[in-house]
Amino acid sequence: MLHIDQTFNKYETLVEGVDQAVKKIGEAHSECLRCAPHCSDCCQAIFDLSLIESVYINYRFYQSLEKSVQDRVLERADRADRQAYRLKRRIHKMLSQGEKTEEEVLSLLAEERLRCPFLNESDLCDAYHLRPITCRAYGLTTIIHGAGYSCGKSGFAEGGAYRSINLDRINQHLGVLSEELLIEIGSPEDLKDRLVPLSSALLTDYDDEYFGLKKDCAAEG
């Protein structure tokens, strides 16, 4: 069992800060928010998770959800992961062959739909308390790679002046926490920049072997 309480606590503090900022900005621009019950537009956006967020959500997922819910989510995660893999191969080909620029790829990804494994058949989140930071900020204006984005269903006007959630800055913080996580558990692996979709994060065994901590019995003998 890995000992990662200190870094997990820091991640939870970051999440609390994001939630507070989202609440304040949402109140300041309430007229622009169009979120409605069972609206799942934000639950089909494509994005990756940092190492710390992947590990945290994975651990809490298996700790806090009933087995029957886990099984349903993991079945959906398996389908989503295969779809994400095919999409990433297509994107890699576009970039490597110069068919698309990085900016064009980001625009393409914004149009693609990939149903979140947490999203159930009633278009409700089966693990709302575990949703990633990107999900928590969705619906407001956000800064990603220096550019502003907002939900297409919102009332935010292009070119308008709004308070925003700076996901670039948050992702930098997540990168620092990912590195601290590896230091805390003494991992020799260089995994701090590894990004994966939520589906992969749920399906991965984040155990000693994953982090390069498993002892080689043959070497010991």
Protein backbone atom coordinates (compact mmCIF):
# COMPACT_ATOMS: atom_id res chain seq x y z
CA MET A 1 0.00 0.00 0.00
CA LEU A 2 1.41 3.34 -1.02
CA HIS A 3 1.66 6.15 1.53
CA ILE A 4 0.54 9.29 -0.26
CA ASP A 5 -1.59 11.11 2.30
CA GLN A 6 0.43 14.33 2.26
CA THR A 7 0.16 14.87 -1.49
CA PHE A 8 -3.50 13.80 -1.50
CA ASN A 9 -4.20 16.44 1.16
CA LYS A 10 -2.56 19.09 -1.02
CA TYR A 11 -4.66 18.01 -4.00
CA GLU A 12 -7.85 18.23 -1.93
CA THR A 13 -6.84 21.73 -0.82
CA LEU A 14 -6.40 22.71 -4.47
CA VAL A 15 -9.83 21.30 -5.32
CA GLU A 16 -11.42 23.25 -2.48
CA GLY A 17 -9.81 26.45 -3.79
CA VAL A 18 -11.07 25.76 -7.32
CA ASP A 19 -14.59 25.08 -6.04
CA GLN A 20 -14.60 28.37 -4.13
CA ALA A 21 -13.35 30.28 -7.20
CA VAL A 22 -15.94 28.60 -9.42
CA LYS A 23 -18.70 29.57 -6.99
CA LYS A 24 -17.60 33.21 -6.84
CA ILE A 25 -17.20 33.55 -10.62
CA GLY A 26 -20.48 31.74 -11.19
CA GLU A 27 -22.27 34.19 -8.90
CA ALA A 28 -20.62 37.14 -10.67
CA HIS A 29 -21.77 35.90 -14.10
CA SER A 30 -24.91 33.99 -13.16
CA GLU A 31 -26.79 35.43 -16.14
CA CYS A 32 -24.39 33.60 -18.47
CA LEU A 33 -24.68 30.17 -16.90
CA ARG A 34 -27.05 27.79 -18.69
CA CYS A 35 -26.38 24.60 -16.73
CA ALA A 36 -29.53 22.50 -16.40
CA PRO A 37 -30.41 19.13 -14.81
CA HIS A 38 -29.38 16.20 -17.01
CA CYS A 39 -27.36 18.44 -19.34
CA SER A 40 -24.32 16.30 -20.11
CA ASP A 41 -22.48 18.48 -22.62
CA CYS A 42 -19.56 18.89 -20.22
CA CYS A 43 -19.50 15.13 -19.60
CA GLN A 44 -18.50 14.40 -23.19
CA ALA A 45 -15.55 16.79 -23.54
CA ILE A 46 -12.12 15.30 -24.20
CA PHE A 47 -9.22 16.02 -21.85
CA ASP A 48 -6.46 14.22 -19.96
CA LEU A 49 -5.64 14.02 -16.26
CA SER A 50 -2.31 14.66 -14.58
CA LEU A 51 -0.63 11.91 -12.57
CA ILE A 52 -1.76 13.23 -9.18
CA GLU A 53 -5.37 13.59 -10.30
CA SER A 54 -5.36 10.15 -11.96
CA VAL A 55 -4.01 8.43 -8.86
CA TYR A 56 -6.26 10.36 -6.47
CA ILE A 57 -9.47 9.67 -8.38
CA ASN A 58 -8.50 6.01 -8.84
CA TYR A 59 -7.89 5.50 -5.10
CA ARG A 60 -11.02 7.31 -3.97
CA PHE A 61 -13.11 5.57 -6.64
CA TYR A 62 -12.36 2.14 -5.20
CA GLN A 63 -12.69 3.39 -1.63
CA SER A 64 -15.95 5.31 -1.81
CA LEU A 65 -18.23 3.62 -4.38
CA GLU A 66 -20.21 0.43 -4.03
CA LYS A 67 -18.96 -2.56 -6.03
CA SER A 68 -22.04 -2.60 -8.25
CA VAL A 69 -21.46 1.05 -9.21
CA GLN A 70 -17.76 0.39 -9.78
CA ASP A 71 -18.56 -2.45 -12.17
CA ARG A 72 -20.91 -0.31 -14.26
CA VAL A 73 -18.44 2.56 -14.41
CA LEU A 74 -15.53 0.27 -15.34
CA GLU A 75 -17.56 -1.28 -18.16
CA ARG A 76 -18.15 2.20 -19.57
CA ALA A 77 -14.48 3.10 -18.95
CA ASP A 78 -13.35 0.15 -21.06
CA ARG A 79 -15.44 1.32 -24.01
CA ALA A 80 -14.34 4.94 -23.59
CA ASP A 81 -10.68 3.97 -23.32
CA ARG A 82 -10.75 2.14 -26.63
CA GLN A 83 -12.43 5.11 -28.27
CA ALA A 84 -9.88 7.52 -26.76
CA TYR A 85 -7.01 5.34 -27.99
CA ARG A 86 -8.31 5.40 -31.57
CA LEU A 87 -8.78 9.17 -31.41
CA LYS A 88 -5.26 9.75 -30.06
CA ARG A 89 -3.76 7.65 -32.83
CA ARG A 90 -5.61 9.78 -35.38
CA ILE A 91 -4.47 13.01 -33.72
CA HIS A 92 -0.86 11.79 -33.54
CA LYS A 93 -0.94 11.00 -37.25
CA MET A 94 -2.28 14.48 -38.07
CA LEU A 95 0.49 16.16 -36.07
CA SER A 96 3.36 13.91 -37.19
CA GLN A 97 2.44 14.26 -40.85
CA GLY A 98 1.84 18.01 -40.58
CA GLU A 99 -1.83 17.73 -41.53
CA LYS A 100 -2.91 19.89 -38.58
CA THR A 101 -1.30 22.44 -36.28
CA GLU A 102 -1.58 22.11 -32.48
CA GLU A 103 -4.16 24.91 -32.48
CA GLU A 104 -6.20 23.13 -35.14
CA VAL A 105 -6.00 19.89 -33.17
CA LEU A 106 -7.32 21.64 -30.04
CA SER A 107 -10.25 22.97 -32.08
CA LEU A 108 -10.88 19.48 -33.42
CA LEU A 109 -10.82 17.97 -29.93
CA ALA A 110 -13.34 20.60 -28.77
CA GLU A 111 -15.76 19.25 -31.38
CA GLU A 112 -15.21 15.56 -30.62
CA ARG A 113 -17.48 13.77 -28.15
CA LEU A 114 -16.33 11.08 -25.72
CA ARG A 115 -18.85 10.03 -23.09
CA CYS A 116 -17.38 10.12 -19.59
CA PRO A 117 -17.41 6.72 -17.82
CA PHE A 118 -18.84 8.41 -14.73
CA LEU A 119 -21.93 9.45 -16.74
CA ASN A 120 -24.78 6.98 -16.25
CA GLU A 121 -27.77 6.17 -18.42
CA SER A 122 -29.82 8.93 -16.76
CA ASP A 123 -27.17 11.52 -17.72
CA LEU A 124 -26.14 11.92 -14.09
CA CYS A 125 -22.64 11.56 -12.61
CA ASP A 126 -22.08 8.37 -10.64
CA ALA A 127 -19.05 9.91 -8.89
CA TYR A 128 -19.81 13.62 -8.71
CA HIS A 129 -17.67 14.07 -5.60
CA LEU A 130 -14.67 12.72 -7.55
CA ARG A 131 -15.08 14.73 -10.75
CA PRO A 132 -11.81 16.20 -12.10
CA ILE A 133 -10.95 19.88 -11.80
CA THR A 134 -11.66 20.45 -15.51
CA CYS A 135 -15.23 19.26 -14.90
CA ARG A 136 -15.61 21.54 -11.89
CA ALA A 137 -14.68 24.59 -14.00
CA TYR A 138 -16.79 23.69 -17.02
CA GLY A 139 -19.59 26.12 -17.80
CA LEU A 140 -17.48 29.17 -16.94
CA THR A 141 -14.87 30.83 -19.14
CA THR A 142 -11.51 29.10 -18.83
CA ILE A 143 -7.97 29.80 -19.99
CA ILE A 144 -6.37 26.86 -21.82
CA HIS A 145 -3.00 27.20 -23.58
CA GLY A 146 -3.37 30.97 -23.25
CA ALA A 147 -6.73 31.13 -25.05
CA GLY A 148 -10.21 31.65 -23.62
CA TYR A 149 -12.91 28.98 -23.89
CA SER A 150 -16.47 28.63 -22.67
CA CYS A 151 -19.31 26.13 -22.92
CA GLY A 152 -21.16 26.47 -26.23
CA LYS A 153 -24.47 26.36 -24.38
CA SER A 154 -23.53 29.24 -22.06
CA GLY A 155 -24.36 32.90 -22.47
CA PHE A 156 -20.75 34.08 -22.52
CA ALA A 157 -20.22 36.28 -25.59
CA GLU A 158 -17.06 35.97 -27.66
CA GLY A 159 -14.69 38.84 -26.89
CA GLY A 160 -16.49 39.73 -23.65
CA ALA A 161 -14.63 40.59 -20.46
CA TYR A 162 -15.27 37.91 -17.84
CA ARG A 163 -13.53 36.55 -14.79
CA SER A 164 -12.06 33.20 -15.79
CA ILE A 165 -10.59 30.02 -14.36
CA ASN A 166 -6.95 29.78 -15.45
CA LEU A 167 -6.55 26.07 -16.16
CA ASP A 168 -2.99 26.67 -17.39
CA ARG A 169 -1.98 27.81 -13.91
CA ILE A 170 -3.93 24.99 -12.26
CA ASN A 171 -2.27 22.42 -14.54
CA GLN A 172 1.12 23.77 -13.56
CA HIS A 173 0.17 23.25 -9.92
CA LEU A 174 -0.98 19.72 -10.71
CA GLY A 175 2.39 19.07 -12.34
CA VAL A 176 4.17 20.13 -9.16
CA LEU A 177 1.92 17.88 -7.07
CA SER A 178 2.57 14.98 -9.46
CA GLU A 179 6.29 15.39 -8.89
CA GLU A 180 5.78 15.63 -5.12
CA LEU A 181 3.72 12.44 -5.25
CA LEU A 182 6.61 10.55 -6.81
CA ILE A 183 9.03 11.97 -4.24
CA GLU A 184 6.70 11.09 -1.35
CA ILE A 185 6.50 7.43 -2.31
CA GLY A 186 10.15 7.24 -3.39
CA SER A 187 9.39 6.28 -6.99
CA PRO A 188 12.37 6.14 -9.34
CA GLU A 189 10.10 6.41 -12.37
CA ASP A 190 9.84 9.65 -14.38
CA LEU A 191 6.03 9.77 -14.53
CA LYS A 192 5.35 13.36 -13.48
CA ASP A 193 4.32 14.48 -16.98
CA ARG A 194 2.22 11.43 -17.81
CA LEU A 195 -1.30 12.39 -18.91
CA VAL A 196 -4.17 9.94 -19.38
CA PRO A 197 -7.95 10.15 -19.89
CA LEU A 198 -10.22 9.38 -16.95
CA SER A 199 -11.06 5.99 -18.45
CA SER A 200 -7.39 4.93 -18.33
CA ALA A 201 -6.98 6.33 -14.82
CA LEU A 202 -9.83 4.13 -13.57
CA LEU A 203 -8.54 1.01 -15.32
CA THR A 204 -4.91 1.35 -14.16
CA ASP A 205 -3.47 -0.42 -11.12
CA TYR A 206 -1.49 2.29 -9.34
CA ASP A 207 0.46 -0.16 -7.24
CA ASP A 208 4.11 -0.54 -6.20
CA GLU A 209 4.97 -2.19 -9.50
CA TYR A 210 3.51 0.70 -11.51
CA PHE A 211 5.72 3.15 -9.63
CA GLY A 212 8.82 0.97 -9.90
CA LEU A 213 8.80 0.09 -6.20
CA LYS A 214 8.35 -3.68 -6.51
CA LYS A 215 11.50 -5.50 -5.38
CA ASP A 216 13.15 -7.92 -7.74
CA CYS A 217 13.23 -11.17 -5.82
CA ALA A 218 15.64 -12.75 -8.27
CA ALA A 219 18.10 -9.88 -7.77
CA GLU A 220 17.82 -10.25 -4.00
CA GLY A 221 18.62 -13.93 -4.17
